[in-house]
Amino acid sequence: QLQLAESGGGLVQPGGSLRLSCGASRYPLANYAIAWFRQAPGKEREGVLCISQSGGSTTYQDSVEGRFTISRDNARNTVSLQMNALKPEDTAVYSCAIFLLGNMCPEDSHQLTDFGAWGQGTQVTVSS
């Protein structure tokens, strides 16, 4: 059964950067649209960014515009989330998931059941 795995989280000061990675062993992610989500304590899970099979990206949170970018490396079978200029409100558990209904990212990410192969997530804490 396909399940994604995230890595790269940690503690970073405000204004700092982190790069998260999403991968899967023995299963080519290149065939899928992949999205990053986050869930802060006491809040619902929300979509952050998605990358289509073609490499086009969709941003689901205005607050990350210009600070976060998503990319894929098909040779390494990974999808990365580069996070710059981090803020305390970016603190959350970040997870990646496959869009189950096609290889193009959906316009919105609210229908969480349209995504699958969720990883266990990686904690990102932004604090001084």
Foldseek 3Di string as FASTA:
>chain_A
DFAKAKDWADEAAQQAKIKMKIATPPDQPLFFKKWKWWDDPPGDIATAKIAFSVGDMAGADPVQVPFWDWGDDRVVRMIMIIGGRDDQVVWTFMKMWTQQPGRDDDNGCPPVVRTDSIHPTDTHGYHD
